[in-house]
Amino acid sequence: MKIIFRWRLSIDNKLTLSVEMFNSFGKVGEFGSFNGQSHQIGPMLSGSISDT
């Protein structure tokens, strides 16, 4: 089972700041210990470089 979450804030028409979180718990019913799971969280900046 995997969960992907993104929170986005549009700064202007060309720039978006985000926080993304990715989790992998393993098979449903067999999650295991926390150390056997995968969790990542971090910032992301996206936008347009040119006007075209």
Protein backbone atom coordinates (compact mmCIF):
# COMPACT_ATOMS: atom_id res chain seq x y z
CA MET A 1 0.00 0.00 0.00
CA LYS A 2 1.35 3.43 -0.98
CA ILE A 3 0.18 6.94 -0.12
CA ILE A 4 1.18 10.09 -2.01
CA PHE A 5 0.24 13.51 -0.63
CA ARG A 6 0.96 16.98 -2.07
CA TRP A 7 0.09 20.35 -0.56
CA ARG A 8 0.47 23.21 -3.08
CA LEU A 9 0.55 26.98 -2.76
CA SER A 10 0.44 29.07 -5.94
CA ILE A 11 2.72 32.06 -5.41
CA ASP A 12 1.78 33.62 -8.77
CA ASN A 13 0.65 32.45 -12.23
CA LYS A 14 4.06 30.90 -12.99
CA LEU A 15 5.37 29.66 -9.62
CA THR A 16 4.10 26.95 -7.25
CA LEU A 17 5.59 25.90 -3.91
CA SER A 18 4.72 22.38 -2.72
CA VAL A 19 5.37 19.91 0.07
CA GLU A 20 5.24 16.29 -1.06
CA MET A 21 5.07 13.12 1.03
CA PHE A 22 5.53 9.56 -0.24
CA ASN A 23 4.86 6.51 1.95
CA SER A 24 5.16 2.80 1.21
CA PHE A 25 3.81 0.55 3.96
CA GLY A 26 4.15 -2.82 2.20
CA LYS A 27 1.38 -5.28 1.37
CA VAL A 28 -2.06 -4.75 2.91
CA GLY A 29 -2.25 -6.83 6.09
CA GLU A 30 1.56 -7.23 6.22
CA PHE A 31 2.77 -3.73 7.08
CA GLY A 32 5.64 -4.86 9.29
CA SER A 33 7.74 -2.60 11.48
CA PHE A 34 8.36 1.10 10.87
CA ASN A 35 11.97 0.35 9.84
CA GLY A 36 10.65 -1.92 7.07
CA GLN A 37 8.51 0.85 5.60
CA SER A 38 9.55 3.74 3.35
CA HIS A 39 8.69 7.39 4.15
CA GLN A 40 9.88 10.53 2.37
CA ILE A 41 8.87 14.19 2.71
CA GLY A 42 10.31 17.29 1.12
CA PRO A 43 9.79 20.62 -0.59
CA MET A 44 9.23 21.17 -4.30
CA LEU A 45 9.28 24.32 -6.39
CA SER A 46 7.74 24.28 -9.86
CA GLY A 47 7.00 26.88 -12.45
CA SER A 48 7.48 28.20 -15.94
CA ILE A 49 10.84 29.47 -17.16
CA SER A 50 9.59 31.38 -20.21
CA ASP A 51 6.42 33.19 -21.29
CA THR A 52 5.80 30.83 -24.27
